[in-house]
Amino acid sequence: MKNTKSNIEELKTVVAKASFVRCSPRKLRLVANAVRGMDPVKVIDYLSVTSKRAATPLLLVFKQAVANAKNNFQLSPAGLKVVSLMVEEGPRGPKRMDKSHGARFDRGIKRRRMAHITLKLVSKEK
């Protein structure tokens, strides 16, 4: 097992993405860090009962990845593990004036932040 990169390439990689998610990347990362080391089946159970608003887009991405593994690669959900879960910053949406704050806080401009989520799963068995 010298070259780990070639061993990972031999395994089946399942990718699921969500782009332009209307939630702040910072809030998504808080939930993503909480579930980062867990199995995908446990993550789905955890996210379905979490009260954070950012849990909903992450739940949809995990469900999409498990469904991709089932339908496209005929892999069982129990035999999957998370390789990477990335929450990246998307475009900052339309600017709006916040007149109640005047010149403070970036001249009273509110921005709607968006995020991109990328999830990669790998089968545990060769």
Protein backbone atom coordinates (compact mmCIF):
# COMPACT_ATOMS: atom_id res chain seq x y z
CA MET A 1 0.00 0.00 0.00
CA LYS A 2 2.57 2.54 -1.06
CA ASN A 3 0.53 4.68 -3.40
CA THR A 4 -2.75 5.58 -1.70
CA LYS A 5 -3.95 7.69 -4.62
CA SER A 6 -4.15 4.68 -6.96
CA ASN A 7 -6.00 2.69 -4.28
CA ILE A 8 -8.62 5.41 -3.96
CA GLU A 9 -9.04 5.53 -7.73
CA GLU A 10 -9.77 1.78 -7.76
CA LEU A 11 -12.71 2.36 -5.42
CA LYS A 12 -15.97 3.69 -6.80
CA THR A 13 -16.41 7.38 -6.12
CA VAL A 14 -19.89 8.86 -5.87
CA VAL A 15 -20.25 12.63 -6.22
CA ALA A 16 -23.24 14.81 -5.32
CA LYS A 17 -23.38 18.57 -5.71
CA ALA A 18 -25.71 21.44 -4.88
CA SER A 19 -25.01 24.84 -6.39
CA PHE A 20 -26.36 28.28 -5.55
CA VAL A 21 -27.77 27.20 -2.18
CA ARG A 22 -29.53 30.18 -0.59
CA CYS A 23 -27.81 29.83 2.76
CA SER A 24 -24.67 31.40 4.15
CA PRO A 25 -21.54 29.25 3.71
CA ARG A 26 -20.53 29.97 7.29
CA LYS A 27 -23.78 28.54 8.65
CA LEU A 28 -23.52 25.52 6.36
CA ARG A 29 -19.96 24.84 7.51
CA LEU A 30 -21.08 24.74 11.15
CA VAL A 31 -23.43 21.85 10.39
CA ALA A 32 -20.98 20.21 7.95
CA ASN A 33 -18.24 20.13 10.59
CA ALA A 34 -20.62 18.42 13.01
CA VAL A 35 -21.29 15.52 10.61
CA ARG A 36 -17.92 15.28 8.87
CA GLY A 37 -16.66 11.98 10.34
CA MET A 38 -19.95 10.08 10.42
CA ASP A 39 -21.36 7.39 8.12
CA PRO A 40 -23.76 8.69 5.47
CA VAL A 41 -26.71 6.71 6.85
CA LYS A 42 -26.17 8.16 10.33
CA VAL A 43 -25.74 11.63 8.85
CA ILE A 44 -29.16 11.43 7.17
CA ASP A 45 -30.75 10.45 10.49
CA TYR A 46 -28.90 13.24 12.33
CA LEU A 47 -29.71 15.96 9.81
CA SER A 48 -33.40 15.05 9.63
CA VAL A 49 -33.86 15.94 13.33
CA THR A 50 -31.43 18.87 13.54
CA SER A 51 -33.12 22.20 14.12
CA LYS A 52 -30.62 24.28 12.12
CA ARG A 53 -31.89 25.76 8.85
CA ALA A 54 -28.60 24.85 7.15
CA ALA A 55 -29.26 21.15 7.77
CA THR A 56 -31.90 20.96 5.02
CA PRO A 57 -29.61 21.56 1.99
CA LEU A 58 -26.98 19.22 3.44
CA LEU A 59 -29.63 16.56 4.00
CA LEU A 60 -30.69 16.82 0.36
CA VAL A 61 -27.09 16.44 -0.83
CA PHE A 62 -26.52 13.36 1.34
CA LYS A 63 -29.77 11.78 0.12
CA GLN A 64 -28.74 12.52 -3.46
CA ALA A 65 -25.32 10.90 -2.96
CA VAL A 66 -26.79 7.75 -1.39
CA ALA A 67 -29.35 7.48 -4.20
CA ASN A 68 -26.59 7.92 -6.79
CA ALA A 69 -24.63 5.11 -5.16
CA LYS A 70 -27.67 2.82 -5.16
CA ASN A 71 -28.93 3.49 -8.67
CA ASN A 72 -25.78 4.20 -10.66
CA PHE A 73 -23.18 1.97 -8.99
CA GLN A 74 -25.34 -0.67 -7.21
CA LEU A 75 -23.59 0.04 -3.90
CA SER A 76 -25.21 -0.47 -0.52
CA PRO A 77 -25.54 2.67 1.62
CA ALA A 78 -24.03 0.87 4.61
CA GLY A 79 -20.78 0.32 2.70
CA LEU A 80 -20.09 3.99 2.00
CA LYS A 81 -17.82 6.50 3.71
CA VAL A 82 -17.32 10.23 3.25
CA VAL A 83 -14.09 11.23 1.51
CA SER A 84 -14.72 14.96 1.34
CA LEU A 85 -17.47 17.41 2.18
CA MET A 86 -16.77 20.90 0.89
CA VAL A 87 -18.86 24.01 1.40
CA GLU A 88 -17.57 26.78 -0.84
CA GLU A 89 -18.67 30.37 -1.22
CA GLY A 90 -20.97 31.08 -4.12
CA PRO A 91 -21.86 34.44 -5.59
CA ARG A 92 -23.07 37.14 -3.30
CA GLY A 93 -26.58 37.88 -4.34
CA PRO A 94 -28.37 41.16 -4.78
CA LYS A 95 -27.48 44.05 -2.53
CA ARG A 96 -30.25 45.65 -0.53
CA MET A 97 -30.28 48.81 1.52
CA ASP A 98 -30.76 48.56 5.24
CA LYS A 99 -31.77 52.10 6.11
CA SER A 100 -32.15 51.42 9.80
CA HIS A 101 -28.37 51.09 10.21
CA GLY A 102 -27.40 54.14 8.18
CA ALA A 103 -23.71 54.50 7.48
CA ARG A 104 -22.64 51.79 9.92
CA PHE A 105 -22.08 48.15 9.00
CA ASP A 106 -20.76 48.50 5.43
CA ARG A 107 -22.95 51.54 4.69
CA GLY A 108 -26.14 49.67 5.51
CA ILE A 109 -25.86 47.23 2.58
CA LYS A 110 -27.16 43.71 3.16
CA ARG A 111 -25.92 40.94 0.86
CA ARG A 112 -27.61 37.62 0.24
CA ARG A 113 -24.91 34.96 0.40
CA MET A 114 -25.00 31.68 -1.51
CA ALA A 115 -22.95 28.51 -1.29
CA HIS A 116 -21.87 25.49 -3.32
CA ILE A 117 -21.82 22.05 -1.63
CA THR A 118 -19.74 19.14 -2.96
CA LEU A 119 -19.86 15.68 -1.38
CA LYS A 120 -17.72 12.69 -2.37
CA LEU A 121 -18.44 9.18 -1.09
CA VAL A 122 -16.33 6.04 -1.57
CA SER A 123 -17.26 2.41 -1.11
CA LYS A 124 -15.44 0.81 1.82
CA GLU A 125 -14.85 -2.51 0.05
CA LYS A 126 -12.73 -2.98 -3.07
